[in-house]
N, C-alpha and C. Protein backbone atom coordinates (compact mmCIF):
# COMPACT_ATOMS: atom_id res chain seq x y z
N MET A 1 0.88 -1.12 -0.04
CA MET A 1 -0.02 0.00 0.06
C MET A 1 0.95 1.22 -0.03
N THR A 2 0.58 2.17 -0.74
CA THR A 2 1.35 3.47 -0.80
C THR A 2 0.53 4.59 -0.17
N GLY A 3 1.38 5.71 0.00
CA GLY A 3 0.74 6.83 0.54
C GLY A 3 1.37 7.32 1.85
N ALA A 4 0.94 8.39 2.41
CA ALA A 4 1.60 8.88 3.69
C ALA A 4 1.28 8.01 4.72
N ASP A 5 2.19 7.86 5.61
CA ASP A 5 1.99 7.22 6.89
C ASP A 5 0.87 7.89 7.73
N PRO A 6 0.05 7.09 8.40
CA PRO A 6 -0.93 7.86 9.39
C PRO A 6 -0.09 8.58 10.41
N ALA A 7 -0.67 9.71 10.85
CA ALA A 7 0.01 10.57 11.77
C ALA A 7 0.15 9.79 13.12
N GLY A 8 1.24 9.99 13.83
CA GLY A 8 1.46 9.41 15.10
C GLY A 8 0.78 10.13 16.17
N PRO A 9 0.90 9.76 17.42
CA PRO A 9 0.39 10.53 18.51
C PRO A 9 0.79 11.99 18.47
N ALA A 10 -0.12 12.80 18.94
CA ALA A 10 0.27 14.21 19.09
C ALA A 10 1.39 14.45 19.89
N THR A 11 2.38 15.37 19.55
CA THR A 11 3.47 15.65 20.38
C THR A 11 3.37 17.08 20.83
N ALA A 12 3.95 17.37 21.83
CA ALA A 12 4.03 18.72 22.49
C ALA A 12 4.89 19.61 21.57
N THR A 13 4.54 20.85 21.37
CA THR A 13 5.35 21.76 20.52
C THR A 13 5.82 22.88 21.44
N ASP A 14 6.71 23.72 20.90
CA ASP A 14 7.22 24.90 21.60
C ASP A 14 6.08 25.63 22.06
N ASP A 15 4.97 25.80 21.21
CA ASP A 15 3.80 26.59 21.52
C ASP A 15 3.11 26.10 22.75
N ASP A 16 2.95 24.75 22.91
CA ASP A 16 2.40 24.20 23.90
C ASP A 16 3.12 24.44 25.25
N ALA A 17 4.44 24.32 25.15
CA ALA A 17 5.29 24.58 26.35
C ALA A 17 5.17 26.10 26.71
N ALA A 18 5.22 26.91 25.74
CA ALA A 18 5.10 28.43 26.12
C ALA A 18 3.68 28.71 26.76
N GLU A 19 2.70 27.98 26.33
CA GLU A 19 1.36 28.26 26.86
C GLU A 19 1.31 27.74 28.27
N LEU A 20 1.97 26.62 28.54
CA LEU A 20 1.91 26.03 29.88
C LEU A 20 2.74 27.08 30.84
N VAL A 21 3.86 27.37 30.37
CA VAL A 21 4.70 28.39 31.13
C VAL A 21 3.90 29.71 31.47
N ALA A 22 3.18 30.20 30.42
CA ALA A 22 2.36 31.41 30.72
C ALA A 22 1.34 31.21 31.70
N GLN A 23 0.60 29.98 31.68
CA GLN A 23 -0.39 29.65 32.60
C GLN A 23 0.07 29.54 34.02
N LEU A 24 1.33 28.90 34.09
CA LEU A 24 1.90 28.75 35.43
C LEU A 24 2.34 30.11 36.12
N ARG A 25 2.87 31.01 35.17
CA ARG A 25 3.26 32.29 35.61
C ARG A 25 1.97 33.10 36.03
N ALA A 26 0.91 32.91 35.37
CA ALA A 26 -0.30 33.68 35.74
C ALA A 26 -0.72 33.23 37.14
N LEU A 27 -0.69 31.86 37.39
CA LEU A 27 -1.08 31.34 38.76
C LEU A 27 -0.07 31.71 39.72
N ALA A 28 1.20 31.87 39.39
CA ALA A 28 2.17 32.30 40.37
C ALA A 28 1.96 33.70 40.90
N GLY A 29 1.53 34.55 39.95
CA GLY A 29 1.21 35.94 40.34
C GLY A 29 0.09 35.97 41.35
N ALA A 30 -0.86 34.98 41.29
CA ALA A 30 -2.04 34.98 42.20
C ALA A 30 -1.66 34.40 43.55
N ASP A 31 -0.95 33.09 43.56
CA ASP A 31 -0.60 32.53 44.81
C ASP A 31 0.45 31.55 44.60
N PRO A 32 1.76 31.90 44.92
CA PRO A 32 2.84 31.01 44.67
C PRO A 32 2.65 29.61 45.38
N THR A 33 2.10 29.64 46.51
CA THR A 33 1.88 28.40 47.26
C THR A 33 0.96 27.42 46.47
N GLU A 34 -0.07 27.99 45.89
CA GLU A 34 -1.03 27.25 45.10
C GLU A 34 -0.35 26.66 43.84
N VAL A 35 0.47 27.46 43.24
CA VAL A 35 1.28 27.06 41.97
C VAL A 35 2.13 25.84 42.37
N ARG A 36 2.81 26.02 43.45
CA ARG A 36 3.72 24.91 43.92
C ARG A 36 2.95 23.58 44.13
N GLN A 37 1.73 23.65 44.71
CA GLN A 37 0.82 22.50 44.83
C GLN A 37 0.42 22.00 43.46
N VAL A 38 0.08 22.80 42.49
CA VAL A 38 -0.29 22.40 41.20
C VAL A 38 0.82 21.63 40.53
N VAL A 39 1.98 22.18 40.60
CA VAL A 39 3.18 21.60 39.91
C VAL A 39 3.42 20.30 40.66
N ALA A 40 3.44 20.22 41.88
CA ALA A 40 3.59 18.93 42.54
C ALA A 40 2.65 17.89 42.12
N GLU A 41 1.33 18.23 41.99
CA GLU A 41 0.34 17.29 41.57
C GLU A 41 0.66 16.78 40.14
N VAL A 42 1.05 17.74 39.32
CA VAL A 42 1.29 17.44 37.91
C VAL A 42 2.55 16.48 37.74
N LEU A 43 3.52 16.77 38.58
CA LEU A 43 4.69 15.87 38.56
C LEU A 43 4.37 14.48 39.10
N ALA A 44 3.55 14.44 40.07
CA ALA A 44 3.22 13.15 40.72
C ALA A 44 2.41 12.35 39.69
N ALA A 45 1.46 12.92 38.90
CA ALA A 45 0.67 12.33 37.85
C ALA A 45 1.66 11.85 36.75
N LEU A 46 2.52 12.70 36.36
CA LEU A 46 3.53 12.27 35.30
C LEU A 46 4.33 11.14 35.74
N ASP A 47 4.81 11.15 37.07
CA ASP A 47 5.52 10.02 37.59
C ASP A 47 4.67 8.70 37.52
N ARG A 48 3.49 8.79 37.81
CA ARG A 48 2.52 7.59 37.88
C ARG A 48 2.49 7.10 36.47
N ALA A 49 2.28 8.02 35.47
CA ALA A 49 2.15 7.65 34.15
C ALA A 49 3.39 6.97 33.54
N ALA A 50 4.49 7.36 34.12
CA ALA A 50 5.83 6.88 33.58
C ALA A 50 6.25 5.67 34.52
N GLY A 51 5.34 5.11 35.22
CA GLY A 51 5.70 3.96 36.04
C GLY A 51 6.70 4.23 37.06
N GLY A 52 6.76 5.36 37.64
CA GLY A 52 7.76 5.74 38.65
C GLY A 52 9.07 6.07 38.22
N ALA A 53 9.26 6.15 36.84
CA ALA A 53 10.54 6.44 36.30
C ALA A 53 11.02 8.01 36.37
N LEU A 54 10.04 8.89 36.57
CA LEU A 54 10.28 10.16 36.51
C LEU A 54 11.03 10.70 37.82
N ARG A 55 10.56 10.10 38.98
CA ARG A 55 11.15 10.58 40.23
C ARG A 55 12.77 10.48 40.35
N GLU A 56 13.21 9.48 39.68
CA GLU A 56 14.70 9.32 39.81
C GLU A 56 15.50 10.54 39.12
N HIS A 57 14.73 11.37 38.35
CA HIS A 57 15.44 12.43 37.57
C HIS A 57 15.02 13.85 38.31
N LEU A 58 14.41 13.75 39.31
CA LEU A 58 13.96 14.97 40.07
C LEU A 58 14.90 15.18 41.37
N PRO A 59 15.21 16.49 41.68
CA PRO A 59 15.91 16.63 43.01
C PRO A 59 14.97 16.20 44.16
N GLU A 60 15.69 15.88 45.24
CA GLU A 60 15.03 15.39 46.38
C GLU A 60 13.86 16.36 46.86
N THR A 61 14.11 17.56 46.91
CA THR A 61 13.18 18.48 47.43
C THR A 61 11.82 18.49 46.63
N ILE A 62 12.04 18.39 45.32
CA ILE A 62 10.82 18.30 44.45
C ILE A 62 10.16 17.03 44.60
N ARG A 63 10.93 15.89 44.73
CA ARG A 63 10.30 14.60 44.95
C ARG A 63 9.46 14.58 46.36
N VAL A 64 9.98 15.23 47.33
CA VAL A 64 9.28 15.27 48.62
C VAL A 64 8.03 16.20 48.39
N ASP A 65 8.14 17.37 47.75
CA ASP A 65 7.06 18.28 47.64
C ASP A 65 5.82 17.61 46.83
N ALA A 66 6.25 16.71 45.90
CA ALA A 66 5.30 16.04 45.01
C ALA A 66 4.77 14.77 45.70
N GLY A 67 5.29 14.48 46.90
CA GLY A 67 4.78 13.25 47.51
C GLY A 67 5.30 11.98 47.04
N LEU A 68 6.38 12.06 46.32
CA LEU A 68 7.08 10.82 45.68
C LEU A 68 7.99 10.18 46.67
N GLU A 69 8.36 10.76 47.70
CA GLU A 69 9.33 10.13 48.73
C GLU A 69 9.28 10.89 49.97
N ALA A 70 9.65 10.28 51.08
CA ALA A 70 9.72 10.99 52.38
C ALA A 70 11.14 11.72 52.38
N PRO A 71 11.19 12.81 53.18
CA PRO A 71 12.49 13.55 53.29
C PRO A 71 13.51 12.60 53.95
N SER A 72 14.67 12.72 53.39
CA SER A 72 15.79 12.08 54.04
C SER A 72 16.11 12.59 55.49
N ARG A 73 16.66 11.74 56.27
CA ARG A 73 16.99 12.09 57.69
C ARG A 73 18.50 12.23 57.72
N ILE A 74 18.90 13.42 58.28
CA ILE A 74 20.42 13.66 58.39
C ILE A 74 20.67 13.80 59.79
């Protein structure tokens, strides 16, 4: 069969990223604590979708904020 391959899954573009950044900045202006919570929830959801693989790439403070691990004891 000839012809163009069917389009694959939608991919994020620079425009998508810019829009997300703009939305986060708008939220940050309103309440930085709320933005931190939203970002933590998004990271936790992304980590679940990635089967837990995302957390190993995040700094400890972010993992703790996102509820992905308990704080280390020093």
